[in-house]
Amino acid sequence: MAKPERPERPDIEIRATVQARELVFHRPPTTRIDHAAEPVGESASGSDGTNLPERVEAHVTYRNVHIDFRLAAELDPEAPQTWASLPLPRRLRPLRAGQRCR
């Protein structure tokens, strides 16, 4: 299992796996992951990799690369406000009859 090992029983989980025989970066990537279990809960993300250093170098060929990624969130069932009662972000709200997408 990819890092992190917690939460153990997430309500939401996203996993991804990438494999490559050869991988070359023209420039080292800049990565950032933002996540939160709101209003109350626990969230974490992480990855495990094979044949890739912590910081990759430009124009180096990495062979037999394998990366596992996991993002997990567990919501607190005792939270005073439930997820179902939270308003959806504007881009996710359903359209009303006759309303157009912008």
N, C-alpha and C. Protein backbone atom coordinates (compact mmCIF):
# COMPACT_ATOMS: atom_id res chain seq x y z
N MET A 1 0.84 -1.17 0.00
CA MET A 1 0.00 0.00 0.00
C MET A 1 0.89 1.24 0.00
N ALA A 2 0.52 2.21 -0.79
CA ALA A 2 1.27 3.46 -0.82
C ALA A 2 1.09 4.22 0.48
N LYS A 3 2.09 5.01 0.81
CA LYS A 3 1.95 5.88 1.96
C LYS A 3 0.75 6.77 1.74
N PRO A 4 0.09 7.28 2.67
CA PRO A 4 0.19 7.03 4.09
C PRO A 4 -0.61 5.81 4.49
N GLU A 5 -0.31 5.27 5.65
CA GLU A 5 -1.05 4.11 6.14
C GLU A 5 -2.30 4.54 6.90
N ARG A 6 -2.41 5.80 7.27
CA ARG A 6 -3.60 6.33 7.93
C ARG A 6 -4.25 7.35 7.02
N PRO A 7 -5.50 7.60 7.06
CA PRO A 7 -6.47 6.88 7.85
C PRO A 7 -6.67 5.45 7.35
N GLU A 8 -6.91 4.53 8.27
CA GLU A 8 -7.02 3.12 7.92
C GLU A 8 -8.32 2.78 7.21
N ARG A 9 -9.42 3.44 7.59
CA ARG A 9 -10.73 3.18 6.98
C ARG A 9 -11.29 4.48 6.42
N PRO A 10 -10.72 4.98 5.31
CA PRO A 10 -11.14 6.27 4.79
C PRO A 10 -12.54 6.23 4.17
N ASP A 11 -13.21 7.39 4.24
CA ASP A 11 -14.48 7.55 3.55
C ASP A 11 -14.25 7.87 2.08
N ILE A 12 -13.12 8.51 1.80
CA ILE A 12 -12.75 8.87 0.43
C ILE A 12 -11.31 8.44 0.23
N GLU A 13 -11.05 7.77 -0.90
CA GLU A 13 -9.69 7.32 -1.19
C GLU A 13 -9.44 7.39 -2.69
N ILE A 14 -8.30 7.94 -3.06
CA ILE A 14 -7.88 8.00 -4.46
C ILE A 14 -6.51 7.36 -4.53
N ARG A 15 -6.37 6.41 -5.45
CA ARG A 15 -5.08 5.75 -5.66
C ARG A 15 -4.69 5.87 -7.13
N ALA A 16 -3.41 5.96 -7.38
CA ALA A 16 -2.91 6.00 -8.75
C ALA A 16 -1.58 5.25 -8.80
N THR A 17 -1.35 4.58 -9.92
CA THR A 17 -0.10 3.87 -10.14
C THR A 17 0.45 4.26 -11.50
N VAL A 18 1.75 4.53 -11.55
CA VAL A 18 2.42 4.87 -12.80
C VAL A 18 3.61 3.94 -12.95
N GLN A 19 3.74 3.38 -14.16
CA GLN A 19 4.89 2.54 -14.46
C GLN A 19 5.49 2.99 -15.78
N ALA A 20 6.81 2.93 -15.88
CA ALA A 20 7.47 3.31 -17.13
C ALA A 20 8.75 2.50 -17.29
N ARG A 21 9.00 2.07 -18.52
CA ARG A 21 10.29 1.40 -18.79
C ARG A 21 11.42 2.41 -18.75
N GLU A 22 11.15 3.59 -19.34
CA GLU A 22 12.13 4.68 -19.31
C GLU A 22 11.40 5.99 -19.08
N LEU A 23 12.00 6.86 -18.28
CA LEU A 23 11.41 8.15 -17.97
C LEU A 23 12.52 9.19 -17.92
N VAL A 24 12.33 10.28 -18.69
CA VAL A 24 13.30 11.37 -18.73
C VAL A 24 12.56 12.67 -18.44
N PHE A 25 13.07 13.47 -17.52
CA PHE A 25 12.51 14.78 -17.23
C PHE A 25 13.36 15.83 -17.95
N HIS A 26 12.72 16.70 -18.71
CA HIS A 26 13.46 17.78 -19.37
C HIS A 26 13.83 18.85 -18.37
N ARG A 27 13.03 18.97 -17.33
CA ARG A 27 13.38 19.81 -16.17
C ARG A 27 12.72 19.17 -14.95
N PRO A 28 13.32 19.29 -13.80
CA PRO A 28 12.75 18.67 -12.60
C PRO A 28 11.35 19.23 -12.32
N PRO A 29 10.40 18.37 -11.97
CA PRO A 29 9.04 18.84 -11.74
C PRO A 29 8.90 19.57 -10.40
N THR A 30 7.92 20.46 -10.36
CA THR A 30 7.52 21.10 -9.12
C THR A 30 6.18 20.50 -8.75
N THR A 31 6.09 19.91 -7.59
CA THR A 31 4.84 19.25 -7.19
C THR A 31 4.31 19.85 -5.91
N ARG A 32 2.99 19.80 -5.77
CA ARG A 32 2.33 20.29 -4.57
C ARG A 32 0.99 19.58 -4.45
N ILE A 33 0.67 19.13 -3.26
CA ILE A 33 -0.60 18.46 -3.01
C ILE A 33 -1.27 19.13 -1.83
N ASP A 34 -2.48 19.63 -2.04
CA ASP A 34 -3.27 20.23 -0.97
C ASP A 34 -4.48 19.36 -0.72
N HIS A 35 -4.76 19.07 0.53
CA HIS A 35 -5.94 18.28 0.86
C HIS A 35 -6.34 18.58 2.29
N ALA A 36 -7.60 18.37 2.58
CA ALA A 36 -8.11 18.56 3.94
C ALA A 36 -9.41 17.80 4.09
N ALA A 37 -9.67 17.30 5.26
CA ALA A 37 -10.95 16.68 5.59
C ALA A 37 -11.71 17.72 6.41
N GLU A 38 -12.56 18.45 5.75
CA GLU A 38 -13.28 19.53 6.42
C GLU A 38 -14.76 19.25 6.43
N PRO A 39 -15.52 19.65 7.41
CA PRO A 39 -15.15 20.53 8.50
C PRO A 39 -14.31 19.84 9.58
N VAL A 40 -14.47 18.54 9.78
CA VAL A 40 -13.67 17.83 10.79
C VAL A 40 -13.32 16.46 10.24
N GLY A 41 -12.07 16.04 10.40
CA GLY A 41 -11.67 14.72 9.95
C GLY A 41 -10.17 14.62 9.82
N GLU A 42 -9.73 13.56 9.19
CA GLU A 42 -8.30 13.29 9.02
C GLU A 42 -8.03 13.03 7.55
N SER A 43 -6.98 13.65 7.00
CA SER A 43 -6.62 13.36 5.62
C SER A 43 -5.10 13.29 5.50
N ALA A 44 -4.64 12.54 4.52
CA ALA A 44 -3.21 12.40 4.31
C ALA A 44 -2.97 11.92 2.89
N SER A 45 -1.78 12.18 2.39
CA SER A 45 -1.40 11.67 1.06
C SER A 45 0.07 11.30 1.08
N GLY A 46 0.46 10.47 0.14
CA GLY A 46 1.85 10.08 0.04
C GLY A 46 2.07 9.15 -1.12
N SER A 47 3.34 8.89 -1.41
CA SER A 47 3.67 8.02 -2.53
C SER A 47 4.88 7.16 -2.19
N ASP A 48 4.96 6.03 -2.86
CA ASP A 48 6.10 5.14 -2.79
C ASP A 48 6.62 4.98 -4.22
N GLY A 49 7.92 5.04 -4.38
CA GLY A 49 8.47 4.92 -5.72
C GLY A 49 9.62 3.94 -5.77
N THR A 50 9.82 3.38 -6.96
CA THR A 50 10.92 2.47 -7.20
C THR A 50 11.75 3.02 -8.35
N ASN A 51 13.05 3.06 -8.19
CA ASN A 51 14.01 3.50 -9.20
C ASN A 51 13.90 4.98 -9.54
N LEU A 52 13.42 5.78 -8.59
CA LEU A 52 13.43 7.24 -8.71
C LEU A 52 13.99 7.82 -7.42
N PRO A 53 14.93 8.77 -7.53
CA PRO A 53 15.43 9.42 -6.31
C PRO A 53 14.39 10.40 -5.77
N GLU A 54 14.61 10.90 -4.57
CA GLU A 54 13.71 11.88 -3.96
C GLU A 54 13.61 13.12 -4.85
N ARG A 55 14.74 13.56 -5.40
CA ARG A 55 14.75 14.69 -6.34
C ARG A 55 15.35 14.21 -7.66
N VAL A 56 14.55 14.26 -8.70
CA VAL A 56 15.03 13.80 -10.00
C VAL A 56 15.88 14.89 -10.66
N GLU A 57 16.72 14.47 -11.60
CA GLU A 57 17.58 15.40 -12.32
C GLU A 57 17.14 15.50 -13.77
N ALA A 58 17.36 16.66 -14.36
CA ALA A 58 17.01 16.87 -15.77
C ALA A 58 17.92 16.03 -16.66
N HIS A 59 17.35 15.50 -17.73
CA HIS A 59 18.07 14.79 -18.81
C HIS A 59 18.76 13.50 -18.34
N VAL A 60 18.27 12.93 -17.25
CA VAL A 60 18.76 11.63 -16.78
C VAL A 60 17.67 10.61 -17.10
N THR A 61 18.05 9.46 -17.65
CA THR A 61 17.08 8.41 -17.96
C THR A 61 16.93 7.49 -16.75
N TYR A 62 15.70 7.43 -16.25
CA TYR A 62 15.38 6.52 -15.15
C TYR A 62 14.67 5.32 -15.75
N ARG A 63 15.08 4.12 -15.36
CA ARG A 63 14.53 2.90 -15.95
C ARG A 63 13.72 2.09 -14.93
N ASN A 64 12.70 1.38 -15.48
CA ASN A 64 11.84 0.52 -14.67
C ASN A 64 11.27 1.26 -13.45
N VAL A 65 10.62 2.36 -13.74
CA VAL A 65 10.06 3.23 -12.72
C VAL A 65 8.67 2.75 -12.33
N HIS A 66 8.39 2.79 -11.04
CA HIS A 66 7.06 2.42 -10.53
C HIS A 66 6.73 3.40 -9.39
N ILE A 67 5.55 4.04 -9.48
CA ILE A 67 5.12 4.98 -8.45
C ILE A 67 3.68 4.64 -8.03
N ASP A 68 3.45 4.52 -6.73
CA ASP A 68 2.11 4.35 -6.16
C ASP A 68 1.79 5.59 -5.36
N PHE A 69 0.60 6.15 -5.58
CA PHE A 69 0.16 7.35 -4.87
C PHE A 69 -1.16 7.05 -4.17
N ARG A 70 -1.34 7.61 -2.97
CA ARG A 70 -2.60 7.43 -2.23
C ARG A 70 -2.97 8.73 -1.54
N LEU A 71 -4.23 9.11 -1.71
CA LEU A 71 -4.83 10.23 -0.99
C LEU A 71 -6.04 9.66 -0.26
N ALA A 72 -6.12 9.88 1.04
CA ALA A 72 -7.21 9.30 1.83
C ALA A 72 -7.75 10.33 2.81
N ALA A 73 -9.06 10.28 3.03
CA ALA A 73 -9.69 11.17 4.00
C ALA A 73 -10.76 10.41 4.76
N GLU A 74 -10.81 10.65 6.04
CA GLU A 74 -11.82 10.03 6.90
C GLU A 74 -12.56 11.17 7.58
N LEU A 75 -13.89 11.18 7.44
CA LEU A 75 -14.70 12.22 8.03
C LEU A 75 -15.12 11.82 9.43
N ASP A 76 -15.28 12.79 10.29
CA ASP A 76 -15.69 12.52 11.67
C ASP A 76 -17.21 12.42 11.73
N PRO A 77 -17.76 11.23 12.02
CA PRO A 77 -19.21 11.08 12.05
C PRO A 77 -19.87 11.87 13.18
N GLU A 78 -19.08 12.30 14.16
CA GLU A 78 -19.61 13.06 15.28
C GLU A 78 -19.56 14.57 15.03
N ALA A 79 -19.10 14.98 13.84
CA ALA A 79 -19.01 16.41 13.53
C ALA A 79 -20.40 17.04 13.60
N PRO A 80 -20.49 18.27 14.10
CA PRO A 80 -21.80 18.89 14.25
C PRO A 80 -22.52 19.16 12.93
N GLN A 81 -21.79 19.30 11.85
CA GLN A 81 -22.40 19.57 10.56
C GLN A 81 -22.07 18.42 9.61
N THR A 82 -23.05 17.90 8.91
CA THR A 82 -22.79 16.78 8.00
C THR A 82 -22.42 17.29 6.63
N TRP A 83 -21.71 16.46 5.88
CA TRP A 83 -21.31 16.82 4.52
C TRP A 83 -22.51 17.07 3.63
N ALA A 84 -23.57 16.33 3.83
CA ALA A 84 -24.75 16.47 2.97
C ALA A 84 -25.38 17.85 3.10
N SER A 85 -25.19 18.51 4.23
CA SER A 85 -25.81 19.82 4.42
C SER A 85 -24.92 20.98 3.96
N LEU A 86 -23.68 20.71 3.57
CA LEU A 86 -22.80 21.78 3.10
C LEU A 86 -23.16 22.19 1.69
N PRO A 87 -23.06 23.49 1.37
CA PRO A 87 -23.35 23.91 0.00
C PRO A 87 -22.27 23.44 -0.97
N LEU A 88 -22.67 23.08 -2.17
CA LEU A 88 -21.71 22.67 -3.19
C LEU A 88 -21.00 23.90 -3.75
N PRO A 89 -19.73 23.77 -4.14
CA PRO A 89 -19.08 24.88 -4.83
C PRO A 89 -19.85 25.22 -6.10
N ARG A 90 -19.78 26.46 -6.53
CA ARG A 90 -20.55 26.92 -7.69
C ARG A 90 -20.37 26.02 -8.91
N ARG A 91 -19.15 25.57 -9.18
CA ARG A 91 -18.90 24.78 -10.39
C ARG A 91 -19.53 23.39 -10.31
N LEU A 92 -19.97 22.96 -9.12
CA LEU A 92 -20.58 21.64 -8.98
C LEU A 92 -22.08 21.69 -8.77
N ARG A 93 -22.65 22.88 -8.67
CA ARG A 93 -24.09 22.98 -8.42
C ARG A 93 -24.87 22.57 -9.66
N PRO A 94 -25.97 21.85 -9.47
CA PRO A 94 -26.80 21.46 -10.62
C PRO A 94 -27.46 22.70 -11.23
N LEU A 95 -27.69 22.64 -12.53
CA LEU A 95 -28.36 23.72 -13.24
C LEU A 95 -29.85 23.67 -13.01
N ARG A 96 -30.47 24.85 -12.95
CA ARG A 96 -31.94 24.93 -12.89
C ARG A 96 -32.48 24.91 -14.32
N ALA A 97 -33.74 24.61 -14.48
CA ALA A 97 -34.37 24.56 -15.80
C ALA A 97 -34.13 25.89 -16.51
N GLY A 98 -33.63 25.82 -17.73
CA GLY A 98 -33.39 27.01 -18.54
C GLY A 98 -32.07 27.71 -18.27
N GLN A 99 -31.33 27.29 -17.24
CA GLN A 99 -30.06 27.91 -16.91
C GLN A 99 -28.94 27.37 -17.80
N ARG A 100 -28.03 28.24 -18.23
CA ARG A 100 -26.92 27.82 -19.09
C ARG A 100 -25.62 27.72 -18.31
N CYS A 101 -24.73 26.86 -18.80
CA CYS A 101 -23.38 26.76 -18.23
C CYS A 101 -22.60 28.00 -18.61
N ARG A 102 -21.73 28.43 -17.73
CA ARG A 102 -20.86 29.58 -18.03
C ARG A 102 -19.45 29.14 -18.16
